[in-house]
Amino acid sequence: MRRIRSQHTSPEMRVRRIVYALGYRYRLHMKGLPGRPDLVFRPRRKIIFVHGCFWHAHDAPRCPEFGRRVKTNQGYWSPKLAGNRERDKLHLVALRKQGWKVLTVWDCETKNLDRLARRLRRFLGEP
């Protein structure tokens, strides 16, 4: 588990490249905010999280990880992944209470770059 990165992952880098190419500037992994968001746009009060489908238990039917269950050490992994989802929900609620608009981009959504760019442009448009 030590080798699993939480920052600068491939999906995060794809999102960052697109956002930068669209002309938006951002801060990375701000410590003072719940969940340490991946990208923070302070003047716009907007945040982007880039979540790995497995680690955050993405439950969309179109996701390749949908319905995938860990086969080994389920006593550890099932509560771990459920806890990750619950923690994500708590962070989302806390950020919204603070007045932030939040977008979650899943790993499986970073495969189609054109669709992702449209979604990011729509989210980051003027407040």
Protein backbone atom coordinates (compact mmCIF):
# COMPACT_ATOMS: atom_id res chain seq x y z
CA MET A 1 0.00 0.00 0.00
CA ARG A 2 2.98 2.27 0.48
CA ARG A 3 3.35 2.56 -3.30
CA ILE A 4 -0.21 3.78 -3.84
CA ARG A 5 -0.03 7.48 -4.60
CA SER A 6 -2.70 9.91 -3.45
CA GLN A 7 -1.33 12.89 -5.37
CA HIS A 8 -0.15 13.42 -8.94
CA THR A 9 -1.86 10.27 -10.23
CA SER A 10 -2.43 9.70 -13.94
CA PRO A 11 -6.14 10.66 -13.83
CA GLU A 12 -5.33 13.77 -11.81
CA MET A 13 -2.63 14.79 -14.28
CA ARG A 14 -5.08 14.38 -17.19
CA VAL A 15 -7.55 16.70 -15.47
CA ARG A 16 -4.83 19.20 -14.61
CA ARG A 17 -3.56 19.33 -18.20
CA ILE A 18 -7.04 19.97 -19.56
CA VAL A 19 -7.86 22.64 -16.98
CA TYR A 20 -4.55 24.40 -17.63
CA ALA A 21 -5.07 24.24 -21.40
CA LEU A 22 -8.51 25.81 -20.93
CA GLY A 23 -6.75 28.78 -19.31
CA TYR A 24 -7.70 28.19 -15.67
CA ARG A 25 -5.18 28.42 -12.86
CA TYR A 26 -5.54 26.55 -9.60
CA ARG A 27 -3.97 25.55 -6.30
CA LEU A 28 -3.13 21.93 -5.53
CA HIS A 29 -4.07 19.86 -2.47
CA MET A 30 -4.97 22.69 -0.08
CA LYS A 31 -4.41 21.46 3.45
CA GLY A 32 -6.91 23.78 5.15
CA LEU A 33 -9.94 22.37 3.33
CA PRO A 34 -11.81 19.16 4.19
CA GLY A 35 -10.52 16.26 2.11
CA ARG A 36 -7.53 18.19 0.71
CA PRO A 37 -9.11 18.78 -2.72
CA ASP A 38 -6.98 18.01 -5.76
CA LEU A 39 -7.66 21.32 -7.54
CA VAL A 40 -8.89 24.50 -5.86
CA PHE A 41 -10.08 27.61 -7.69
CA ARG A 42 -10.27 30.10 -4.82
CA PRO A 43 -11.68 33.18 -6.57
CA ARG A 44 -14.43 31.04 -8.14
CA ARG A 45 -15.07 29.08 -4.90
CA LYS A 46 -14.89 25.84 -6.87
CA ILE A 47 -13.13 22.57 -6.15
CA ILE A 48 -12.35 19.45 -8.17
CA PHE A 49 -11.70 16.05 -6.63
CA VAL A 50 -10.21 13.32 -8.83
CA HIS A 51 -11.16 9.95 -7.37
CA GLY A 52 -9.91 6.50 -8.25
CA CYS A 53 -12.85 4.22 -8.99
CA PHE A 54 -11.56 1.35 -6.85
CA TRP A 55 -10.35 3.34 -3.84
CA HIS A 56 -13.49 5.44 -3.57
CA ALA A 57 -15.90 2.63 -4.53
CA HIS A 58 -17.43 4.21 -7.63
CA ASP A 59 -20.89 2.74 -8.04
CA ALA A 60 -21.93 3.89 -11.53
CA PRO A 61 -23.05 1.01 -13.80
CA ARG A 62 -20.94 2.32 -16.70
CA CYS A 63 -17.75 2.14 -14.62
CA PRO A 64 -15.45 -0.83 -15.25
CA GLU A 65 -15.02 -1.18 -11.46
CA PHE A 66 -18.81 -1.42 -10.91
CA GLY A 67 -19.68 -4.47 -8.87
CA ARG A 68 -16.06 -5.46 -8.42
CA ARG A 69 -15.49 -7.01 -5.03
CA VAL A 70 -12.20 -7.67 -3.35
CA LYS A 71 -11.60 -11.39 -3.15
CA THR A 72 -8.93 -11.47 -0.47
CA ASN A 73 -9.03 -10.15 3.08
CA GLN A 74 -12.62 -8.93 2.78
CA GLY A 75 -12.77 -8.31 6.51
CA TYR A 76 -10.32 -5.46 5.97
CA TRP A 77 -11.18 -4.18 2.49
CA SER A 78 -14.97 -4.02 2.63
CA PRO A 79 -15.07 -1.71 5.67
CA LYS A 80 -12.07 0.24 4.35
CA LEU A 81 -13.73 1.07 1.03
CA ALA A 82 -17.10 1.78 2.70
CA GLY A 83 -15.30 4.11 5.10
CA ASN A 84 -13.67 5.93 2.19
CA ARG A 85 -17.09 6.55 0.63
CA GLU A 86 -18.53 7.79 3.91
CA ARG A 87 -15.57 10.10 4.49
CA ASP A 88 -15.96 11.51 0.96
CA LYS A 89 -19.62 12.31 1.69
CA LEU A 90 -18.72 14.09 4.92
CA HIS A 91 -16.07 16.17 3.15
CA LEU A 92 -18.54 17.08 0.41
CA VAL A 93 -21.14 18.25 2.94
CA ALA A 94 -18.56 20.27 4.88
CA LEU A 95 -17.25 21.98 1.75
CA ARG A 96 -20.74 22.87 0.53
CA LYS A 97 -21.56 24.35 3.93
CA GLN A 98 -18.50 26.56 3.53
CA GLY A 99 -19.86 27.80 0.20
CA TRP A 100 -17.75 25.76 -2.22
CA LYS A 101 -19.08 24.20 -5.40
CA VAL A 102 -17.60 20.73 -5.82
CA LEU A 103 -17.05 18.51 -8.86
CA THR A 104 -15.92 14.90 -8.52
CA VAL A 105 -14.15 13.43 -11.54
CA TRP A 106 -13.81 9.66 -11.50
CA ASP A 107 -10.89 7.75 -12.96
CA CYS A 108 -13.14 6.07 -15.56
CA GLU A 109 -14.30 9.52 -16.76
CA THR A 110 -10.76 10.59 -17.64
CA LYS A 111 -10.53 8.16 -20.55
CA ASN A 112 -12.62 10.30 -22.94
CA LEU A 113 -10.72 13.60 -22.93
CA ASP A 114 -13.16 15.53 -25.16
CA ARG A 115 -16.12 14.74 -22.92
CA LEU A 116 -14.04 15.53 -19.84
CA ALA A 117 -12.96 18.90 -21.28
CA ARG A 118 -16.60 19.85 -21.97
CA ARG A 119 -17.60 18.88 -18.45
CA LEU A 120 -14.74 20.84 -16.88
CA ARG A 121 -15.45 23.90 -19.03
CA ARG A 122 -19.11 23.79 -18.02
CA PHE A 123 -18.22 23.49 -14.32
CA LEU A 124 -15.56 26.20 -14.32
CA GLY A 125 -17.52 28.72 -16.39
CA GLU A 126 -18.22 32.08 -14.82
CA PRO A 127 -19.86 31.85 -11.37
